[in-house]
């Protein structure tokens, strides 16, 4: 069995593991599409267009 390491070494390893975990979480949170496509404008209703045409003709 390997000899028991010092307390400071264990804390240093734990701190390094915690920093690595935080870095991985930050990288994973920022991963994704860098630019989202713009959403298209909704198409106008045919009934609204027909109403505008009939009221404009007069």
N, C-alpha and C. Protein backbone atom coordinates (compact mmCIF):
# COMPACT_ATOMS: atom_id res chain seq x y z
N UNK A 1 0.84 -1.16 0.00
CA UNK A 1 0.00 0.00 0.00
C UNK A 1 0.90 1.24 0.00
N UNK A 2 0.57 2.27 -0.82
CA UNK A 2 1.41 3.47 -0.86
C UNK A 2 1.32 4.24 0.46
N UNK A 3 2.38 4.93 0.78
CA UNK A 3 2.35 5.71 2.03
C UNK A 3 1.32 6.84 1.95
N UNK A 4 0.77 7.16 3.09
CA UNK A 4 -0.24 8.20 3.15
C UNK A 4 0.39 9.55 2.85
N UNK A 5 -0.27 10.33 1.97
CA UNK A 5 0.28 11.63 1.60
C UNK A 5 -0.04 12.66 2.67
N UNK A 6 0.68 13.76 2.61
CA UNK A 6 0.47 14.81 3.60
C UNK A 6 -0.86 15.51 3.34
N UNK A 7 -1.36 16.16 4.36
CA UNK A 7 -2.65 16.84 4.27
C UNK A 7 -2.59 17.96 3.23
N UNK A 8 -1.49 18.69 3.21
CA UNK A 8 -1.37 19.80 2.25
C UNK A 8 -1.40 19.28 0.81
N UNK A 9 -0.81 18.14 0.56
CA UNK A 9 -0.83 17.57 -0.79
C UNK A 9 -2.25 17.16 -1.18
N UNK A 10 -2.97 16.60 -0.24
CA UNK A 10 -4.35 16.21 -0.54
C UNK A 10 -5.21 17.42 -0.84
N UNK A 11 -5.04 18.48 -0.04
CA UNK A 11 -5.80 19.70 -0.29
C UNK A 11 -5.42 20.33 -1.63
N UNK A 12 -4.14 20.28 -1.97
CA UNK A 12 -3.70 20.84 -3.25
C UNK A 12 -4.31 20.06 -4.41
N UNK A 13 -4.35 18.73 -4.30
CA UNK A 13 -4.96 17.92 -5.35
C UNK A 13 -6.45 18.17 -5.45
N UNK A 14 -7.10 18.33 -4.32
CA UNK A 14 -8.54 18.60 -4.32
C UNK A 14 -8.83 19.96 -4.95
N UNK A 15 -8.00 20.94 -4.65
CA UNK A 15 -8.18 22.27 -5.23
C UNK A 15 -7.96 22.23 -6.74
N UNK A 16 -6.96 21.51 -7.19
CA UNK A 16 -6.70 21.39 -8.62
C UNK A 16 -7.87 20.68 -9.32
N UNK A 17 -8.42 19.66 -8.68
CA UNK A 17 -9.56 18.96 -9.27
C UNK A 17 -10.79 19.86 -9.32
N UNK A 18 -10.99 20.66 -8.28
CA UNK A 18 -12.13 21.58 -8.26
C UNK A 18 -11.99 22.63 -9.35
N UNK A 19 -10.80 23.16 -9.53
CA UNK A 19 -10.58 24.15 -10.59
C UNK A 19 -10.81 23.54 -11.97
N UNK A 20 -10.36 22.31 -12.16
CA UNK A 20 -10.57 21.64 -13.44
C UNK A 20 -12.06 21.41 -13.68
N UNK A 21 -12.79 21.05 -12.64
CA UNK A 21 -14.23 20.82 -12.79
C UNK A 21 -14.95 22.11 -13.13
N UNK A 22 -14.58 23.20 -12.48
CA UNK A 22 -15.22 24.49 -12.78
C UNK A 22 -14.90 24.92 -14.21
N UNK A 23 -13.67 24.72 -14.63
CA UNK A 23 -13.30 25.08 -16.01
C UNK A 23 -14.10 24.25 -17.01
N UNK A 24 -14.28 22.98 -16.74
CA UNK A 24 -15.07 22.13 -17.64
C UNK A 24 -16.52 22.58 -17.68
N UNK A 25 -17.07 22.95 -16.53
CA UNK A 25 -18.46 23.42 -16.50
C UNK A 25 -18.62 24.73 -17.26
N UNK A 26 -17.67 25.62 -17.12
CA UNK A 26 -17.74 26.89 -17.84
C UNK A 26 -17.63 26.68 -19.35
N UNK A 27 -16.74 25.80 -19.75
CA UNK A 27 -16.61 25.52 -21.17
C UNK A 27 -17.87 24.85 -21.72
N UNK A 28 -18.46 23.96 -20.95
CA UNK A 28 -19.67 23.29 -21.40
C UNK A 28 -20.84 24.26 -21.46
N UNK A 29 -20.89 25.21 -20.54
CA UNK A 29 -22.00 26.17 -20.54
C UNK A 29 -21.89 27.11 -21.73
N UNK A 30 -20.69 27.41 -22.18
CA UNK A 30 -20.50 28.33 -23.29
C UNK A 30 -20.49 27.62 -24.64
N UNK A 31 -20.55 26.31 -24.64
CA UNK A 31 -20.55 25.57 -25.90
C UNK A 31 -21.92 25.68 -26.55
N UNK A 32 -21.92 25.77 -27.83
CA UNK A 32 -23.18 25.86 -28.56
C UNK A 32 -22.99 26.71 -29.79
N UNK A 33 -24.07 26.96 -30.50
CA UNK A 33 -23.95 27.76 -31.72
C UNK A 33 -23.49 29.17 -31.39
N UNK A 34 -22.51 29.64 -32.15
CA UNK A 34 -21.97 30.97 -31.86
C UNK A 34 -22.87 32.07 -32.39
N UNK A 35 -23.66 31.77 -33.43
CA UNK A 35 -24.54 32.79 -33.99
C UNK A 35 -25.87 32.14 -34.31
N UNK A 36 -26.92 32.65 -33.72
CA UNK A 36 -28.23 32.08 -33.98
C UNK A 36 -28.85 32.77 -35.18
N UNK A 37 -29.57 32.02 -35.95
CA UNK A 37 -30.22 32.57 -37.14
C UNK A 37 -31.38 33.46 -36.70
N UNK A 38 -31.60 34.56 -37.39
CA UNK A 38 -32.72 35.42 -37.01
C UNK A 38 -34.04 34.72 -37.30
N UNK A 39 -35.01 34.97 -36.46
CA UNK A 39 -36.31 34.34 -36.66
C UNK A 39 -37.07 35.11 -37.73
N UNK A 40 -37.69 34.42 -38.65
CA UNK A 40 -38.43 35.12 -39.71
C UNK A 40 -39.67 35.80 -39.15
N UNK A 41 -40.05 36.88 -39.78
CA UNK A 41 -41.24 37.60 -39.36
C UNK A 41 -42.47 36.75 -39.68
N UNK A 42 -43.47 36.79 -38.83
CA UNK A 42 -44.67 35.99 -39.11
C UNK A 42 -45.39 36.51 -40.35
N UNK A 43 -45.93 35.59 -41.11
CA UNK A 43 -46.65 35.96 -42.33
C UNK A 43 -47.96 36.64 -41.94
N UNK A 44 -48.33 37.71 -42.64
CA UNK A 44 -49.60 38.37 -42.33
C UNK A 44 -50.78 37.49 -42.69
N UNK A 45 -51.87 37.67 -41.98
CA UNK A 45 -53.07 36.88 -42.24
C UNK A 45 -53.69 37.28 -43.57
N UNK A 46 -54.23 36.31 -44.27
CA UNK A 46 -54.89 36.59 -45.55
C UNK A 46 -56.15 37.41 -45.32
N UNK A 47 -56.85 37.17 -44.20
CA UNK A 47 -58.07 37.91 -43.91
C UNK A 47 -57.76 39.38 -43.66
N UNK A 48 -56.66 39.67 -43.00
CA UNK A 48 -56.28 41.05 -42.74
C UNK A 48 -55.94 41.75 -44.04
N UNK A 49 -55.23 41.06 -44.91
CA UNK A 49 -54.89 41.66 -46.20
C UNK A 49 -56.15 41.91 -47.03
N UNK A 50 -57.08 40.98 -47.03
CA UNK A 50 -58.31 41.13 -47.79
C UNK A 50 -59.12 42.31 -47.25
N UNK A 51 -59.15 42.47 -45.94
CA UNK A 51 -59.88 43.59 -45.34
C UNK A 51 -59.25 44.91 -45.70
N UNK A 52 -57.95 44.97 -45.76
CA UNK A 52 -57.28 46.21 -46.13
C UNK A 52 -57.53 46.55 -47.59
N UNK A 53 -57.58 45.53 -48.44
CA UNK A 53 -57.81 45.75 -49.86
C UNK A 53 -59.23 46.26 -50.11
N UNK A 54 -60.20 45.69 -49.43
CA UNK A 54 -61.58 46.11 -49.67
C UNK A 54 -61.86 47.49 -49.09
N UNK A 55 -61.24 47.81 -47.95
CA UNK A 55 -61.50 49.14 -47.37
C UNK A 55 -60.74 50.22 -48.14
N UNK A 56 -59.62 49.89 -48.74
CA UNK A 56 -58.86 50.90 -49.48
C UNK A 56 -59.54 51.21 -50.81
N UNK A 57 -60.26 50.26 -51.39
CA UNK A 57 -60.91 50.46 -52.67
C UNK A 57 -62.19 51.28 -52.56
N UNK A 58 -62.70 51.36 -51.39
CA UNK A 58 -63.73 52.10 -51.08
C UNK A 58 -65.03 52.36 -51.22
